[in-house]
Amino acid sequence: MVYIFDEGGITIVQLPLVKIEEGEVKEEGVELAVDQAGKVIKGPYRTVQEAFQKALDSLSTALQYTEGFLDQLEYRLEMEEAVRPSDVYTASYLAHHLYYTASQLHYLGRELLRRGFISHRLQNYSRALYRKALIIRRYARDIRLLYATTVQLSLDASMKKLTWLGTVAMPALIISSIYGMNLHWLPLADNPPVVFAILATATLAFAYILNKI
């Protein structure tokens, strides 16, 4: 949660310290009470600038972790290694959550700079992290699309194999159904080895033609 408002001559500022634990973003809210001179009269940090610096540093660490996680997923997908759907979901969740936090801190930084609570350097730092979070969110979207494409290609390959198998089995089904009627007047009906030879030959010939197509 990020907010800033004035109350009775005192400015209340809250900003988050984020960290990633077990695939989730954990937030620790830091609230400061600041007088009109910009001095912190209540809170765990001596200045707003120090608190904002800590918030940005924690965001930077979380973004670096998420970027590394996405790099690992991309490598495994390109190497056609198994990737769990939960990993793709986790990466997308982290990227979107951190983008939301980065955007809030960026806009908070603009207000803090306007009030003279932080320096231009910190505001530029927050802008850089906001842009990095935007890039990582787009990166997560690309990874999600790459994973969906990989799954679709795998399904297409499986369907192709099943279709090929069913088509190859068609001559065997036709011939076996005809000779399975026990009609003695059929050619070679009384010679099972020859019938099986015809069956195998027809199946192999059909498979060869299908493979050439």
C-alpha atoms as a PDB file:
ATOM      1  CA  MET A   1       0.000   0.000   0.000  1.00  0.00           C
ATOM      2  CA  VAL A   2       1.349   3.413  -1.019  1.00  0.00           C
ATOM      3  CA  TYR A   3      -0.183   6.724   0.011  1.00  0.00           C
ATOM      4  CA  ILE A   4       0.576  10.276   1.070  1.00  0.00           C
ATOM      5  CA  PHE A   5      -1.796  12.776   2.661  1.00  0.00           C
ATOM      6  CA  ASP A   6      -1.844  15.750   5.013  1.00  0.00           C
ATOM      7  CA  GLU A   7      -3.545  15.632   8.390  1.00  0.00           C
ATOM      8  CA  GLY A   8      -3.424  18.412  10.954  1.00  0.00           C
ATOM      9  CA  GLY A   9      -0.231  19.938   9.601  1.00  0.00           C
ATOM     10  CA  ILE A  10       1.460  16.536   9.484  1.00  0.00           C
ATOM     11  CA  THR A  11       2.187  14.591   6.278  1.00  0.00           C
ATOM     12  CA  ILE A  12       1.589  10.849   6.470  1.00  0.00           C
ATOM     13  CA  VAL A  13       3.631   8.769   4.038  1.00  0.00           C
ATOM     14  CA  GLN A  14       3.432   4.998   3.605  1.00  0.00           C
ATOM     15  CA  LEU A  15       5.600   2.978   1.272  1.00  0.00           C
ATOM     16  CA  PRO A  16       6.259  -0.752   0.869  1.00  0.00           C
ATOM     17  CA  LEU A  17       9.392  -2.826   1.339  1.00  0.00           C
ATOM     18  CA  VAL A  18       8.962  -5.815  -0.950  1.00  0.00           C
ATOM     19  CA  LYS A  19      10.699  -9.176  -1.046  1.00  0.00           C
ATOM     20  CA  ILE A  20      10.045 -12.494  -2.741  1.00  0.00           C
ATOM     21  CA  GLU A  21       9.555 -15.608  -0.631  1.00  0.00           C
ATOM     22  CA  GLU A  22       8.438 -18.998  -1.978  1.00  0.00           C
ATOM     23  CA  GLY A  23       7.130 -17.538  -5.219  1.00  0.00           C
ATOM     24  CA  GLU A  24       5.121 -14.745  -3.597  1.00  0.00           C
ATOM     25  CA  VAL A  25       5.674 -11.038  -3.122  1.00  0.00           C
ATOM     26  CA  LYS A  26       5.707 -10.090   0.553  1.00  0.00           C
ATOM     27  CA  GLU A  27       5.167  -6.456   1.497  1.00  0.00           C
ATOM     28  CA  GLU A  28       6.116  -4.678   4.703  1.00  0.00           C
ATOM     29  CA  GLY A  29       4.384  -1.330   5.008  1.00  0.00           C
ATOM     30  CA  VAL A  30       6.481   1.536   6.404  1.00  0.00           C
ATOM     31  CA  GLU A  31       4.565   4.579   7.660  1.00  0.00           C
ATOM     32  CA  LEU A  32       6.174   7.896   8.414  1.00  0.00           C
ATOM     33  CA  ALA A  33       4.790  11.044   9.998  1.00  0.00           C
ATOM     34  CA  VAL A  34       6.576  14.132   8.661  1.00  0.00           C
ATOM     35  CA  ASP A  35       6.291  17.739   9.843  1.00  0.00           C
ATOM     36  CA  GLN A  36       6.139  20.749   7.546  1.00  0.00           C
ATOM     37  CA  ALA A  37       9.913  21.096   7.610  1.00  0.00           C
ATOM     38  CA  GLY A  38      10.323  17.574   6.237  1.00  0.00           C
ATOM     39  CA  LYS A  39      11.536  16.065   9.512  1.00  0.00           C
ATOM     40  CA  VAL A  40      10.323  12.586  10.452  1.00  0.00           C
ATOM     41  CA  ILE A  41       8.600  12.768  13.817  1.00  0.00           C
ATOM     42  CA  LYS A  42       7.338   9.189  13.813  1.00  0.00           C
ATOM     43  CA  GLY A  43       8.599   6.142  11.939  1.00  0.00           C
ATOM     44  CA  PRO A  44      11.468   3.646  11.697  1.00  0.00           C
ATOM     45  CA  TYR A  45      13.677   5.878   9.482  1.00  0.00           C
ATOM     46  CA  ARG A  46      15.300   9.224  10.153  1.00  0.00           C
ATOM     47  CA  THR A  47      14.349  10.791   6.819  1.00  0.00           C
ATOM     48  CA  VAL A  48      11.841  10.234   4.039  1.00  0.00           C
ATOM     49  CA  GLN A  49      14.757   9.994   1.629  1.00  0.00           C
ATOM     50  CA  GLU A  50      16.232   7.064   3.567  1.00  0.00           C
ATOM     51  CA  ALA A  51      12.897   5.258   3.660  1.00  0.00           C
ATOM     52  CA  PHE A  52      12.310   5.826  -0.054  1.00  0.00           C
ATOM     53  CA  GLN A  53      15.824   4.576  -0.817  1.00  0.00           C
ATOM     54  CA  LYS A  54      15.141   1.361   1.123  1.00  0.00           C
ATOM     55  CA  ALA A  55      11.858   0.850  -0.718  1.00  0.00           C
ATOM     56  CA  LEU A  56      13.535   1.288  -4.102  1.00  0.00           C
ATOM     57  CA  ASP A  57      16.432  -1.008  -3.183  1.00  0.00           C
ATOM     58  CA  SER A  58      14.040  -3.769  -2.111  1.00  0.00           C
ATOM     59  CA  LEU A  59      12.099  -3.356  -5.359  1.00  0.00           C
ATOM     60  CA  SER A  60      15.325  -3.525  -7.380  1.00  0.00           C
ATOM     61  CA  THR A  61      16.320  -6.802  -5.686  1.00  0.00           C
ATOM     62  CA  ALA A  62      12.886  -8.312  -6.357  1.00  0.00           C
ATOM     63  CA  LEU A  63      13.021  -7.246 -10.017  1.00  0.00           C
ATOM     64  CA  GLN A  64      16.468  -8.812 -10.449  1.00  0.00           C
ATOM     65  CA  TYR A  65      15.203 -12.091  -8.983  1.00  0.00           C
ATOM     66  CA  THR A  66      12.160 -12.091 -11.293  1.00  0.00           C
ATOM     67  CA  GLU A  67      14.263 -11.330 -14.342  1.00  0.00           C
ATOM     68  CA  GLY A  68      16.586 -14.230 -13.512  1.00  0.00           C
ATOM     69  CA  PHE A  69      13.613 -16.537 -13.029  1.00  0.00           C
ATOM     70  CA  LEU A  70      12.252 -15.544 -16.445  1.00  0.00           C
ATOM     71  CA  ASP A  71      15.671 -16.138 -18.028  1.00  0.00           C
ATOM     72  CA  GLN A  72      15.671 -19.682 -16.630  1.00  0.00           C
ATOM     73  CA  LEU A  73      12.192 -20.362 -17.999  1.00  0.00           C
ATOM     74  CA  GLU A  74      13.143 -19.038 -21.424  1.00  0.00           C
ATOM     75  CA  TYR A  75      16.259 -21.220 -21.544  1.00  0.00           C
ATOM     76  CA  ARG A  76      14.324 -24.345 -20.541  1.00  0.00           C
ATOM     77  CA  LEU A  77      11.640 -23.673 -23.129  1.00  0.00           C
ATOM     78  CA  GLU A  78      14.189 -23.090 -25.887  1.00  0.00           C
ATOM     79  CA  MET A  79      15.990 -26.317 -24.908  1.00  0.00           C
ATOM     80  CA  GLU A  80      12.604 -28.118 -25.005  1.00  0.00           C
ATOM     81  CA  GLU A  81      12.925 -29.076 -21.343  1.00  0.00           C
ATOM     82  CA  ALA A  82       9.879 -29.712 -19.158  1.00  0.00           C
ATOM     83  CA  VAL A  83       8.383 -26.552 -17.643  1.00  0.00           C
ATOM     84  CA  ARG A  84       5.623 -26.658 -15.062  1.00  0.00           C
ATOM     85  CA  PRO A  85       2.587 -24.440 -15.724  1.00  0.00           C
ATOM     86  CA  SER A  86       2.818 -23.218 -12.119  1.00  0.00           C
ATOM     87  CA  ASP A  87       6.292 -21.771 -12.833  1.00  0.00           C
ATOM     88  CA  VAL A  88       4.950 -19.773 -15.773  1.00  0.00           C
ATOM     89  CA  TYR A  89       2.043 -18.544 -13.649  1.00  0.00           C
ATOM     90  CA  THR A  90       4.404 -17.579 -10.799  1.00  0.00           C
ATOM     91  CA  ALA A  91       6.659 -15.608 -13.130  1.00  0.00           C
ATOM     92  CA  SER A  92       3.689 -13.748 -14.595  1.00  0.00           C
ATOM     93  CA  TYR A  93       2.307 -13.005 -11.121  1.00  0.00           C
ATOM     94  CA  LEU A  94       5.651 -11.673  -9.866  1.00  0.00           C
ATOM     95  CA  ALA A  95       6.142  -9.463 -12.915  1.00  0.00           C
ATOM     96  CA  HIS A  96       2.673  -7.926 -12.707  1.00  0.00           C
ATOM     97  CA  HIS A  97       2.800  -7.406  -8.941  1.00  0.00           C
ATOM     98  CA  LEU A  98       6.198  -5.727  -9.065  1.00  0.00           C
ATOM     99  CA  TYR A  99       5.111  -3.535 -11.982  1.00  0.00           C
ATOM    100  CA  TYR A 100       2.177  -2.322  -9.909  1.00  0.00           C
ATOM    101  CA  THR A 101       4.496  -1.576  -6.967  1.00  0.00           C
ATOM    102  CA  ALA A 102       7.017   0.191  -9.218  1.00  0.00           C
ATOM    103  CA  SER A 103       4.333   2.401 -10.736  1.00  0.00           C
ATOM    104  CA  GLN A 104       3.049   3.367  -7.287  1.00  0.00           C
ATOM    105  CA  LEU A 105       6.537   4.222  -6.030  1.00  0.00           C
ATOM    106  CA  HIS A 106       7.272   6.196  -9.184  1.00  0.00           C
ATOM    107  CA  TYR A 107       4.216   8.400  -8.795  1.00  0.00           C
ATOM    108  CA  LEU A 108       4.843   8.712  -5.051  1.00  0.00           C
ATOM    109  CA  GLY A 109       8.397   9.815  -5.819  1.00  0.00           C
ATOM    110  CA  ARG A 110       7.126  12.607  -8.034  1.00  0.00           C
ATOM    111  CA  GLU A 111       4.977  13.914  -5.183  1.00  0.00           C
ATOM    112  CA  LEU A 112       7.787  13.567  -2.634  1.00  0.00           C
ATOM    113  CA  LEU A 113      10.126  15.469  -4.954  1.00  0.00           C
ATOM    114  CA  ARG A 114       7.551  18.223  -5.380  1.00  0.00           C
ATOM    115  CA  ARG A 115       7.347  18.569  -1.596  1.00  0.00           C
ATOM    116  CA  GLY A 116      11.131  18.574  -1.276  1.00  0.00           C
ATOM    117  CA  PHE A 117      11.335  15.323   0.702  1.00  0.00           C
ATOM    118  CA  ILE A 118      13.663  13.475  -1.702  1.00  0.00           C
ATOM    119  CA  SER A 119      16.373  14.337  -4.218  1.00  0.00           C
ATOM    120  CA  HIS A 120      16.229  14.275  -8.025  1.00  0.00           C
ATOM    121  CA  ARG A 121      18.608  11.305  -7.946  1.00  0.00           C
ATOM    122  CA  LEU A 122      16.084   9.153  -6.090  1.00  0.00           C
ATOM    123  CA  GLN A 123      13.298  10.263  -8.390  1.00  0.00           C
ATOM    124  CA  ASN A 124      15.395   9.236 -11.405  1.00  0.00           C
ATOM    125  CA  TYR A 125      16.101   5.919  -9.678  1.00  0.00           C
ATOM    126  CA  SER A 126      12.375   5.293  -9.225  1.00  0.00           C
ATOM    127  CA  ARG A 127      11.770   6.155 -12.892  1.00  0.00           C
ATOM    128  CA  ALA A 128      14.450   3.685 -13.988  1.00  0.00           C
ATOM    129  CA  LEU A 129      12.939   0.916 -11.846  1.00  0.00           C
ATOM    130  CA  TYR A 130       9.483   1.682 -13.235  1.00  0.00           C
ATOM    131  CA  ARG A 131      10.778   1.269 -16.787  1.00  0.00           C
ATOM    132  CA  LYS A 132      12.587  -1.927 -15.838  1.00  0.00           C
ATOM    133  CA  ALA A 133       9.398  -3.310 -14.258  1.00  0.00           C
ATOM    134  CA  LEU A 134       7.520  -2.517 -17.482  1.00  0.00           C
ATOM    135  CA  ILE A 135      10.113  -4.408 -19.523  1.00  0.00           C
ATOM    136  CA  ILE A 136       9.966  -7.390 -17.172  1.00  0.00           C
ATOM    137  CA  ARG A 137       6.167  -7.470 -17.374  1.00  0.00           C
ATOM    138  CA  ARG A 138       6.400  -7.596 -21.184  1.00  0.00           C
ATOM    139  CA  TYR A 139       9.089 -10.265 -20.856  1.00  0.00           C
ATOM    140  CA  ALA A 140       6.731 -12.359 -18.709  1.00  0.00           C
ATOM    141  CA  ARG A 141       4.014 -11.999 -21.344  1.00  0.00           C
ATOM    142  CA  ASP A 142       6.426 -13.223 -24.039  1.00  0.00           C
ATOM    143  CA  ILE A 143       7.395 -16.209 -21.889  1.00  0.00           C
ATOM    144  CA  ARG A 144       3.719 -17.045 -21.401  1.00  0.00           C
ATOM    145  CA  LEU A 145       3.139 -16.905 -25.166  1.00  0.00           C
ATOM    146  CA  LEU A 146       6.239 -19.026 -25.791  1.00  0.00           C
ATOM    147  CA  TYR A 147       5.006 -21.624 -23.317  1.00  0.00           C
ATOM    148  CA  ALA A 148       1.540 -21.674 -24.913  1.00  0.00           C
ATOM    149  CA  THR A 149       3.141 -22.143 -28.343  1.00  0.00           C
ATOM    150  CA  THR A 150       5.287 -25.005 -27.036  1.00  0.00           C
ATOM    151  CA  VAL A 151       2.254 -26.746 -25.555  1.00  0.00           C
ATOM    152  CA  GLN A 152       0.300 -26.284 -28.790  1.00  0.00           C
ATOM    153  CA  LEU A 153       3.137 -27.709 -30.885  1.00  0.00           C
ATOM    154  CA  SER A 154       3.348 -30.702 -28.569  1.00  0.00           C
ATOM    155  CA  LEU A 155      -0.388 -31.320 -28.918  1.00  0.00           C
ATOM    156  CA  ASP A 156      -0.173 -30.965 -32.709  1.00  0.00           C
ATOM    157  CA  ALA A 157       2.643 -33.527 -32.846  1.00  0.00           C
ATOM    158  CA  SER A 158       0.650 -35.963 -30.705  1.00  0.00           C
ATOM    159  CA  MET A 159      -2.458 -35.552 -32.851  1.00  0.00           C
ATOM    160  CA  LYS A 160      -0.400 -36.042 -36.003  1.00  0.00           C
ATOM    161  CA  LYS A 161       1.011 -39.308 -34.655  1.00  0.00           C
ATOM    162  CA  LEU A 162      -2.443 -40.559 -33.646  1.00  0.00           C
ATOM    163  CA  THR A 163      -3.888 -39.598 -37.044  1.00  0.00           C
ATOM    164  CA  TRP A 164      -1.027 -41.294 -38.846  1.00  0.00           C
ATOM    165  CA  LEU A 165      -1.445 -44.425 -36.744  1.00  0.00           C
ATOM    166  CA  GLY A 166      -5.199 -44.573 -37.322  1.00  0.00           C
ATOM    167  CA  THR A 167      -4.809 -44.028 -41.059  1.00  0.00           C
ATOM    168  CA  VAL A 168      -2.160 -46.742 -41.384  1.00  0.00           C
ATOM    169  CA  ALA A 169      -4.421 -49.173 -39.548  1.00  0.00           C
ATOM    170  CA  MET A 170      -7.275 -48.554 -42.012  1.00  0.00           C
ATOM    171  CA  PRO A 171      -6.230 -51.183 -44.656  1.00  0.00           C
ATOM    172  CA  ALA A 172      -5.828 -53.793 -41.918  1.00  0.00           C
ATOM    173  CA  LEU A 173      -9.299 -53.024 -40.585  1.00  0.00           C
ATOM    174  CA  ILE A 174     -10.891 -53.238 -44.038  1.00  0.00           C
ATOM    175  CA  ILE A 175      -9.186 -56.501 -45.048  1.00  0.00           C
ATOM    176  CA  SER A 176      -9.676 -58.163 -41.672  1.00  0.00           C
ATOM    177  CA  SER A 177     -13.355 -57.175 -41.628  1.00  0.00           C
ATOM    178  CA  ILE A 178     -13.913 -58.727 -45.073  1.00  0.00           C
ATOM    179  CA  TYR A 179     -12.166 -61.988 -44.289  1.00  0.00           C
ATOM    180  CA  GLY A 180     -13.661 -62.008 -40.827  1.00  0.00           C
ATOM    181  CA  MET A 181     -17.100 -62.643 -42.366  1.00  0.00           C
ATOM    182  CA  ASN A 182     -16.169 -66.338 -42.838  1.00  0.00           C
ATOM    183  CA  LEU A 183     -17.229 -66.325 -46.525  1.00  0.00           C
ATOM    184  CA  HIS A 184     -15.492 -69.337 -48.026  1.00  0.00           C
ATOM    185  CA  TRP A 185     -15.839 -68.117 -51.601  1.00  0.00           C
ATOM    186  CA  LEU A 186     -13.462 -65.191 -50.941  1.00  0.00           C
ATOM    187  CA  PRO A 187     -10.062 -65.617 -52.675  1.00  0.00           C
ATOM    188  CA  LEU A 188      -7.561 -67.377 -50.431  1.00  0.00           C
ATOM    189  CA  ALA A 189     -10.117 -67.526 -47.601  1.00  0.00           C
ATOM    190  CA  ASP A 190      -8.916 -71.035 -46.729  1.00  0.00           C
ATOM    191  CA  ASN A 191      -5.259 -69.995 -46.580  1.00  0.00           C
ATOM    192  CA  PRO A 192      -4.693 -67.847 -43.425  1.00  0.00           C
ATOM    193  CA  PRO A 193      -0.920 -67.308 -43.931  1.00  0.00           C
ATOM    194  CA  VAL A 194      -1.537 -65.769 -47.332  1.00  0.00           C
ATOM    195  CA  VAL A 195      -4.322 -63.585 -45.944  1.00  0.00           C
ATOM    196  CA  PHE A 196      -1.987 -62.338 -43.219  1.00  0.00           C
ATOM    197  CA  ALA A 197       0.679 -61.666 -45.856  1.00  0.00           C
ATOM    198  CA  ILE A 198      -1.803 -59.616 -47.883  1.00  0.00           C
ATOM    199  CA  LEU A 199      -2.751 -57.771 -44.722  1.00  0.00           C
ATOM    200  CA  ALA A 200       0.890 -56.937 -43.869  1.00  0.00           C
ATOM    201  CA  THR A 201       1.720 -55.960 -47.450  1.00  0.00           C
ATOM    202  CA  ALA A 202      -1.271 -53.640 -47.751  1.00  0.00           C
ATOM    203  CA  THR A 203      -0.472 -52.000 -44.423  1.00  0.00           C
ATOM    204  CA  LEU A 204       3.200 -51.427 -45.298  1.00  0.00           C
ATOM    205  CA  ALA A 205       2.360 -50.111 -48.758  1.00  0.00           C
ATOM    206  CA  PHE A 206      -0.249 -47.703 -47.354  1.00  0.00           C
ATOM    207  CA  ALA A 207       2.198 -46.517 -44.666  1.00  0.00           C
ATOM    208  CA  TYR A 208       4.867 -45.900 -47.314  1.00  0.00           C
ATOM    209  CA  ILE A 209       2.501 -43.874 -49.506  1.00  0.00           C
ATOM    210  CA  LEU A 210       1.270 -41.866 -46.507  1.00  0.00           C
ATOM    211  CA  ASN A 211       4.827 -41.098 -45.389  1.00  0.00           C
ATOM    212  CA  LYS A 212       5.722 -39.849 -48.880  1.00  0.00           C
ATOM    213  CA  ILE A 213       2.719 -37.550 -48.905  1.00  0.00           C
END
